[in-house]
Amino acid sequence: MKESNLQSKYVLMIDPTPGGWVYGFPKALPRHAVGGSGTDLFVLSSFDLTKWVVAEGYPEEQFQHYRLFVQEVDDIDEQYKATGNFLSE
C-alpha cells in the first residue's frame, strides 16, 4: 500500500500489433508526445506516432493497429523513460 504523501506517476504506453513484443514493445511514449495528466493521458496531434514507432524498431509496413494504455510506474527519468515493472498484473 502506498503512503498518501507519495504521488503516483503515470506514462502512456503503446503496444503495436501484431507482434509488438518481438520489437521490444510495449514502450512508454516520450514526454513531448503526451498531453494530459495523471491517468488521463493522450497522444498529442502534433506528434508523428508512426515515425516514432518505426524509429523504435517496429516495421513500418506492419504498423496499422496498436493499443494505448496508461501505466503506473515507479519513477520517470528526464527523457520520460519509465522505470519499474510495466507488466505486473
N, C-alpha and C. Protein backbone atom coordinates (compact mmCIF):
# COMPACT_ATOMS: atom_id res chain seq x y z
N MET A 1 0.84 -1.18 0.00
CA MET A 1 0.00 0.00 0.00
C MET A 1 0.88 1.24 0.00
N LYS A 2 0.54 2.21 -0.81
CA LYS A 2 1.35 3.41 -0.94
C LYS A 2 1.02 4.40 0.16
N GLU A 3 2.05 5.15 0.54
CA GLU A 3 1.83 6.21 1.51
C GLU A 3 1.11 7.36 0.81
N SER A 4 0.28 8.06 1.54
CA SER A 4 -0.53 9.13 0.94
C SER A 4 0.31 10.32 0.49
N ASN A 5 1.54 10.48 1.01
CA ASN A 5 2.35 11.62 0.60
C ASN A 5 3.13 11.35 -0.68
N LEU A 6 3.06 10.15 -1.22
CA LEU A 6 3.72 9.84 -2.48
C LEU A 6 2.73 10.01 -3.62
N GLN A 7 3.15 10.76 -4.64
CA GLN A 7 2.28 10.98 -5.79
C GLN A 7 2.55 9.89 -6.83
N SER A 8 1.50 9.30 -7.35
CA SER A 8 1.65 8.28 -8.38
C SER A 8 2.16 8.92 -9.66
N LYS A 9 2.93 8.16 -10.43
CA LYS A 9 3.46 8.63 -11.70
C LYS A 9 2.93 7.70 -12.79
N TYR A 10 2.55 8.28 -13.91
CA TYR A 10 1.94 7.52 -14.99
C TYR A 10 2.60 7.87 -16.32
N VAL A 11 2.63 6.89 -17.21
CA VAL A 11 3.10 7.09 -18.57
C VAL A 11 2.07 6.50 -19.52
N LEU A 12 2.11 6.97 -20.76
CA LEU A 12 1.24 6.43 -21.79
C LEU A 12 2.05 5.41 -22.59
N MET A 13 1.58 4.18 -22.59
CA MET A 13 2.27 3.08 -23.25
C MET A 13 1.62 2.80 -24.59
N ILE A 14 2.44 2.31 -25.53
CA ILE A 14 1.91 1.87 -26.83
C ILE A 14 2.37 0.44 -27.08
N ASP A 15 1.46 -0.36 -27.64
CA ASP A 15 1.74 -1.74 -27.97
C ASP A 15 1.19 -2.03 -29.36
N PRO A 16 2.04 -1.94 -30.40
CA PRO A 16 1.57 -2.22 -31.75
C PRO A 16 1.29 -3.71 -31.94
N THR A 17 0.31 -4.01 -32.80
CA THR A 17 0.01 -5.40 -33.13
C THR A 17 0.02 -5.54 -34.64
N PRO A 18 0.43 -6.65 -35.16
CA PRO A 18 0.81 -7.86 -34.44
C PRO A 18 2.26 -7.84 -33.98
N GLY A 19 2.55 -8.61 -32.95
CA GLY A 19 3.91 -8.93 -32.55
C GLY A 19 4.77 -7.82 -32.01
N GLY A 20 4.18 -6.84 -31.38
CA GLY A 20 4.98 -5.76 -30.83
C GLY A 20 6.06 -6.22 -29.87
N TRP A 21 5.78 -7.28 -29.14
CA TRP A 21 6.74 -7.81 -28.17
C TRP A 21 8.06 -8.21 -28.82
N VAL A 22 8.01 -8.63 -30.09
CA VAL A 22 9.23 -9.03 -30.80
C VAL A 22 10.18 -7.84 -30.94
N TYR A 23 9.64 -6.64 -31.00
CA TYR A 23 10.42 -5.43 -31.21
C TYR A 23 10.58 -4.60 -29.94
N GLY A 24 10.31 -5.22 -28.80
CA GLY A 24 10.54 -4.54 -27.52
C GLY A 24 9.38 -3.73 -27.00
N PHE A 25 8.21 -3.87 -27.57
CA PHE A 25 7.02 -3.17 -27.10
C PHE A 25 6.28 -4.06 -26.11
N PRO A 26 5.48 -3.50 -25.23
CA PRO A 26 5.05 -2.10 -25.14
C PRO A 26 6.17 -1.20 -24.61
N LYS A 27 6.10 0.06 -25.05
CA LYS A 27 7.05 1.09 -24.63
C LYS A 27 6.29 2.34 -24.22
N ALA A 28 6.90 3.10 -23.32
CA ALA A 28 6.33 4.38 -22.93
C ALA A 28 6.60 5.41 -24.01
N LEU A 29 5.59 6.17 -24.37
CA LEU A 29 5.79 7.26 -25.32
C LEU A 29 6.59 8.37 -24.65
N PRO A 30 7.38 9.11 -25.42
CA PRO A 30 8.18 10.19 -24.83
C PRO A 30 7.31 11.32 -24.30
N ARG A 31 7.82 12.03 -23.30
CA ARG A 31 7.09 13.11 -22.64
C ARG A 31 6.53 14.14 -23.63
N HIS A 32 7.33 14.52 -24.63
CA HIS A 32 6.89 15.55 -25.58
C HIS A 32 5.75 15.09 -26.49
N ALA A 33 5.42 13.79 -26.47
CA ALA A 33 4.36 13.25 -27.31
C ALA A 33 3.02 13.17 -26.60
N VAL A 34 3.03 13.41 -25.29
CA VAL A 34 1.86 13.11 -24.47
C VAL A 34 1.29 14.36 -23.83
N GLY A 35 -0.04 14.46 -23.87
CA GLY A 35 -0.75 15.53 -23.18
C GLY A 35 -1.58 14.93 -22.06
N GLY A 36 -2.11 15.79 -21.23
CA GLY A 36 -2.94 15.34 -20.12
C GLY A 36 -2.13 15.19 -18.85
N SER A 37 -2.78 14.65 -17.84
CA SER A 37 -2.10 14.44 -16.57
C SER A 37 -2.74 13.26 -15.84
N GLY A 38 -1.98 12.73 -14.87
CA GLY A 38 -2.49 11.59 -14.11
C GLY A 38 -2.80 10.43 -15.02
N THR A 39 -3.98 9.87 -14.86
CA THR A 39 -4.38 8.73 -15.70
C THR A 39 -5.12 9.15 -16.97
N ASP A 40 -5.30 10.46 -17.16
CA ASP A 40 -5.99 10.98 -18.35
C ASP A 40 -4.95 11.48 -19.36
N LEU A 41 -4.27 10.55 -20.01
CA LEU A 41 -3.20 10.88 -20.96
C LEU A 41 -3.64 10.59 -22.38
N PHE A 42 -3.07 11.33 -23.33
CA PHE A 42 -3.39 11.14 -24.74
C PHE A 42 -2.19 11.55 -25.59
N VAL A 43 -2.15 11.04 -26.83
CA VAL A 43 -1.09 11.40 -27.77
C VAL A 43 -1.43 12.74 -28.40
N LEU A 44 -0.49 13.67 -28.38
CA LEU A 44 -0.70 14.98 -28.98
C LEU A 44 -0.83 14.84 -30.50
N SER A 45 -1.72 15.61 -31.09
CA SER A 45 -1.95 15.52 -32.54
C SER A 45 -0.72 15.97 -33.33
N SER A 46 0.16 16.75 -32.73
CA SER A 46 1.36 17.22 -33.41
C SER A 46 2.48 16.17 -33.44
N PHE A 47 2.30 15.07 -32.72
CA PHE A 47 3.33 14.04 -32.63
C PHE A 47 3.14 13.00 -33.73
N ASP A 48 4.23 12.68 -34.45
CA ASP A 48 4.19 11.69 -35.52
C ASP A 48 4.40 10.30 -34.92
N LEU A 49 3.30 9.67 -34.55
CA LEU A 49 3.34 8.37 -33.87
C LEU A 49 3.98 7.30 -34.75
N THR A 50 3.64 7.26 -36.02
CA THR A 50 4.21 6.27 -36.93
C THR A 50 5.72 6.41 -37.01
N LYS A 51 6.20 7.62 -37.20
CA LYS A 51 7.64 7.87 -37.29
C LYS A 51 8.36 7.39 -36.03
N TRP A 52 7.80 7.66 -34.86
CA TRP A 52 8.43 7.26 -33.60
C TRP A 52 8.44 5.75 -33.44
N VAL A 53 7.32 5.09 -33.71
CA VAL A 53 7.23 3.64 -33.57
C VAL A 53 8.24 2.96 -34.50
N VAL A 54 8.34 3.44 -35.72
CA VAL A 54 9.30 2.88 -36.69
C VAL A 54 10.74 3.14 -36.21
N ALA A 55 11.01 4.33 -35.69
CA ALA A 55 12.34 4.64 -35.17
C ALA A 55 12.70 3.75 -33.98
N GLU A 56 11.68 3.27 -33.26
CA GLU A 56 11.89 2.38 -32.12
C GLU A 56 12.03 0.92 -32.54
N GLY A 57 11.96 0.65 -33.86
CA GLY A 57 12.25 -0.69 -34.35
C GLY A 57 11.09 -1.49 -34.92
N TYR A 58 9.87 -0.96 -34.86
CA TYR A 58 8.73 -1.71 -35.40
C TYR A 58 8.66 -1.48 -36.91
N PRO A 59 8.45 -2.54 -37.71
CA PRO A 59 8.41 -2.39 -39.18
C PRO A 59 7.26 -1.49 -39.65
N GLU A 60 7.60 -0.49 -40.44
CA GLU A 60 6.60 0.47 -40.91
C GLU A 60 5.46 -0.20 -41.67
N GLU A 61 5.78 -1.20 -42.48
CA GLU A 61 4.75 -1.85 -43.29
C GLU A 61 3.75 -2.65 -42.44
N GLN A 62 4.11 -2.95 -41.20
CA GLN A 62 3.21 -3.69 -40.31
C GLN A 62 2.43 -2.78 -39.36
N PHE A 63 2.82 -1.51 -39.28
CA PHE A 63 2.21 -0.62 -38.29
C PHE A 63 0.85 -0.11 -38.76
N GLN A 64 -0.20 -0.78 -38.29
CA GLN A 64 -1.57 -0.37 -38.60
C GLN A 64 -2.42 -0.29 -37.35
N HIS A 65 -2.23 -1.23 -36.45
CA HIS A 65 -3.05 -1.31 -35.26
C HIS A 65 -2.17 -1.23 -34.02
N TYR A 66 -2.70 -0.62 -32.99
CA TYR A 66 -1.95 -0.52 -31.74
C TYR A 66 -2.92 -0.30 -30.59
N ARG A 67 -2.40 -0.55 -29.42
CA ARG A 67 -3.18 -0.34 -28.20
C ARG A 67 -2.43 0.69 -27.36
N LEU A 68 -3.14 1.68 -26.86
CA LEU A 68 -2.59 2.66 -25.91
C LEU A 68 -3.17 2.37 -24.54
N PHE A 69 -2.32 2.47 -23.53
CA PHE A 69 -2.82 2.30 -22.17
C PHE A 69 -1.94 3.08 -21.20
N VAL A 70 -2.54 3.48 -20.11
CA VAL A 70 -1.83 4.23 -19.07
C VAL A 70 -1.27 3.23 -18.07
N GLN A 71 -0.01 3.43 -17.72
CA GLN A 71 0.67 2.53 -16.80
C GLN A 71 1.26 3.32 -15.64
N GLU A 72 0.99 2.88 -14.43
CA GLU A 72 1.64 3.48 -13.27
C GLU A 72 3.06 2.95 -13.20
N VAL A 73 4.02 3.82 -12.90
CA VAL A 73 5.43 3.44 -12.86
C VAL A 73 6.05 3.89 -11.55
N ASP A 74 7.20 3.28 -11.24
CA ASP A 74 7.92 3.62 -10.02
C ASP A 74 8.58 4.99 -10.11
N ASP A 75 9.17 5.28 -11.29
CA ASP A 75 9.90 6.53 -11.45
C ASP A 75 9.97 6.86 -12.94
N ILE A 76 10.27 8.11 -13.24
CA ILE A 76 10.38 8.58 -14.62
C ILE A 76 11.66 9.40 -14.71
N ASP A 77 12.53 9.08 -15.69
CA ASP A 77 13.75 9.87 -15.83
C ASP A 77 13.50 11.11 -16.67
N GLU A 78 14.55 11.89 -16.91
CA GLU A 78 14.38 13.19 -17.56
C GLU A 78 13.90 13.09 -19.00
N GLN A 79 14.11 11.97 -19.67
CA GLN A 79 13.60 11.80 -21.04
C GLN A 79 12.25 11.12 -21.07
N TYR A 80 11.64 10.90 -19.90
CA TYR A 80 10.33 10.27 -19.80
C TYR A 80 10.39 8.80 -20.14
N LYS A 81 11.52 8.19 -19.82
CA LYS A 81 11.64 6.75 -19.96
C LYS A 81 11.28 6.15 -18.61
N ALA A 82 10.18 5.50 -18.57
CA ALA A 82 9.70 4.97 -17.30
C ALA A 82 10.60 3.85 -16.80
N THR A 83 10.70 3.75 -15.50
CA THR A 83 11.42 2.63 -14.90
C THR A 83 10.48 1.88 -13.98
N GLY A 84 10.75 0.64 -13.79
CA GLY A 84 9.89 -0.17 -12.92
C GLY A 84 9.29 -1.33 -13.67
N ASN A 85 8.39 -2.02 -13.03
CA ASN A 85 7.79 -3.20 -13.62
C ASN A 85 6.54 -2.82 -14.38
N PHE A 86 6.58 -2.87 -15.72
CA PHE A 86 5.46 -2.44 -16.55
C PHE A 86 4.37 -3.47 -16.69
N LEU A 87 4.70 -4.73 -16.61
CA LEU A 87 3.74 -5.75 -16.96
C LEU A 87 3.15 -6.48 -15.76
N SER A 88 3.30 -5.91 -14.57
CA SER A 88 2.72 -6.54 -13.40
C SER A 88 1.20 -6.47 -13.48
N GLU A 89 0.58 -7.53 -13.14
CA GLU A 89 -0.90 -7.60 -13.20
C GLU A 89 -1.47 -7.31 -11.85
